[in-house]
Amino acid sequence: MANPSDLLPGTLDLLILRTLELKPMHGVVIADRIEQATEGVFVIGPGSLFPALHRLADKGWIDGQWIVVPESGRRVKQYTLTQAGQARLAEEKRNWKTVLTAMNLALAEEL
């Protein structure tokens, strides 16, 4: 299981943006979805997740609204990907594909 501090810079942001591309979610669901999508490789704790959510909101890439969860009656902040966040996600996907291609080439070849 990767520690969020061991991730490449920007990877946690990319994972959160990608997760919110699916639908609006609150923090715990975002963390659970990332763990599920990465088959347990990335387990994101609240100490990493919530500062990242605040940072992404400050950049205007996500928006948070307080809602009440019907099942529990708890108040949670549900996050939604903004148009600026969608554009950033598209850019980050392109960047990631470039890095992935370069790394695959470098690792496949004898240097």
Protein backbone atom coordinates (compact mmCIF):
# COMPACT_ATOMS: atom_id res chain seq x y z
CA MET A 1 0.00 0.00 0.00
CA ALA A 2 1.45 3.30 -1.08
CA ASN A 3 1.74 6.10 1.40
CA PRO A 4 0.34 9.31 -0.14
CA SER A 5 3.60 11.11 0.65
CA ASP A 6 5.42 8.52 -1.50
CA LEU A 7 3.30 9.30 -4.57
CA LEU A 8 4.63 11.31 -7.46
CA PRO A 9 3.71 14.97 -6.99
CA GLY A 10 0.18 15.59 -8.26
CA THR A 11 -0.84 11.92 -8.27
CA LEU A 12 -3.25 12.27 -5.34
CA ASP A 13 -4.83 15.31 -7.01
CA LEU A 14 -5.21 13.35 -10.25
CA LEU A 15 -6.80 10.41 -8.41
CA ILE A 16 -9.28 12.71 -6.67
CA LEU A 17 -10.19 14.57 -9.86
CA ARG A 18 -10.64 11.29 -11.72
CA THR A 19 -12.82 9.90 -8.93
CA LEU A 20 -15.04 12.99 -8.94
CA GLU A 21 -15.36 12.74 -12.73
CA LEU A 22 -17.65 9.77 -12.08
CA LYS A 23 -20.09 11.59 -9.78
CA PRO A 24 -20.19 13.94 -6.77
CA MET A 25 -18.92 12.28 -3.57
CA HIS A 26 -17.94 13.12 -0.01
CA GLY A 27 -14.49 12.52 1.46
CA VAL A 28 -14.87 9.01 2.86
CA VAL A 29 -16.46 7.77 -0.35
CA ILE A 30 -13.66 9.37 -2.39
CA ALA A 31 -11.01 7.59 -0.31
CA ASP A 32 -12.90 4.28 -0.52
CA ARG A 33 -13.31 4.61 -4.29
CA ILE A 34 -9.60 5.33 -4.79
CA GLU A 35 -8.68 2.29 -2.70
CA GLN A 36 -11.15 0.14 -4.65
CA ALA A 37 -10.09 1.45 -8.08
CA THR A 38 -6.40 0.86 -7.31
CA GLU A 39 -7.09 -2.57 -5.79
CA GLY A 40 -5.74 -1.45 -2.43
CA VAL A 41 -2.47 -0.01 -3.70
CA PHE A 42 -3.43 3.54 -2.66
CA VAL A 43 -5.03 3.87 0.76
CA ILE A 44 -5.64 7.55 1.41
CA GLY A 45 -6.09 8.61 5.02
CA PRO A 46 -7.88 11.75 6.20
CA GLY A 47 -4.57 13.49 6.93
CA SER A 48 -3.75 13.43 3.22
CA LEU A 49 -7.22 13.48 1.71
CA PHE A 50 -8.77 16.51 3.37
CA PRO A 51 -5.83 18.89 2.80
CA ALA A 52 -5.86 17.77 -0.86
CA LEU A 53 -9.60 18.44 -1.13
CA HIS A 54 -9.13 21.92 0.35
CA ARG A 55 -6.23 22.61 -2.03
CA LEU A 56 -8.27 21.49 -5.07
CA ALA A 57 -11.22 23.63 -3.93
CA ASP A 58 -8.94 26.64 -3.47
CA LYS A 59 -7.73 26.17 -7.07
CA GLY A 60 -11.35 26.08 -8.28
CA TRP A 61 -11.08 22.52 -9.61
CA ILE A 62 -13.71 21.12 -7.25
CA ASP A 63 -16.62 22.60 -5.35
CA GLY A 64 -17.89 21.43 -1.98
CA GLN A 65 -21.47 21.69 -0.73
CA TRP A 66 -22.77 20.57 2.65
CA ILE A 67 -25.47 17.88 2.42
CA VAL A 68 -27.24 15.57 4.86
CA VAL A 69 -26.80 11.85 4.20
CA PRO A 70 -30.34 10.40 4.29
CA GLU A 71 -29.30 7.02 5.70
CA SER A 72 -27.38 8.39 8.68
CA GLY A 73 -28.60 11.96 9.04
CA ARG A 74 -24.94 13.06 9.09
CA ARG A 75 -23.85 16.29 7.50
CA VAL A 76 -20.99 15.83 5.02
CA LYS A 77 -19.33 17.97 2.40
CA GLN A 78 -20.01 16.57 -1.05
CA TYR A 79 -17.49 17.51 -3.73
CA THR A 80 -18.20 18.07 -7.42
CA LEU A 81 -15.75 18.46 -10.29
CA THR A 82 -15.98 21.97 -11.78
CA GLN A 83 -15.48 22.88 -15.45
CA ALA A 84 -11.99 24.10 -14.56
CA GLY A 85 -11.41 20.75 -12.83
CA GLN A 86 -12.56 18.87 -15.91
CA ALA A 87 -10.08 20.83 -18.03
CA ARG A 88 -7.30 20.20 -15.50
CA LEU A 89 -8.13 16.49 -15.40
CA ALA A 90 -7.94 16.26 -19.20
CA GLU A 91 -4.54 17.99 -19.12
CA GLU A 92 -3.27 15.75 -16.32
CA LYS A 93 -4.42 12.62 -18.18
CA ARG A 94 -2.40 13.73 -21.22
CA ASN A 95 0.62 14.45 -19.02
CA TRP A 96 0.31 11.11 -17.26
CA LYS A 97 0.14 9.23 -20.58
CA THR A 98 3.32 10.98 -21.70
CA VAL A 99 5.13 10.07 -18.48
CA LEU A 100 3.84 6.50 -18.61
CA THR A 101 4.96 6.05 -22.21
CA ALA A 102 8.41 7.47 -21.44
CA MET A 103 8.82 5.28 -18.34
CA ASN A 104 7.74 2.17 -20.24
CA LEU A 105 10.30 2.94 -22.93
CA ALA A 106 13.04 3.58 -20.41
CA LEU A 107 12.29 0.44 -18.42
CA ALA A 108 11.97 -1.78 -21.50
CA GLU A 109 15.28 -0.74 -23.02
CA GLU A 110 18.73 -1.54 -21.80
CA LEU A 111 20.39 1.77 -21.04
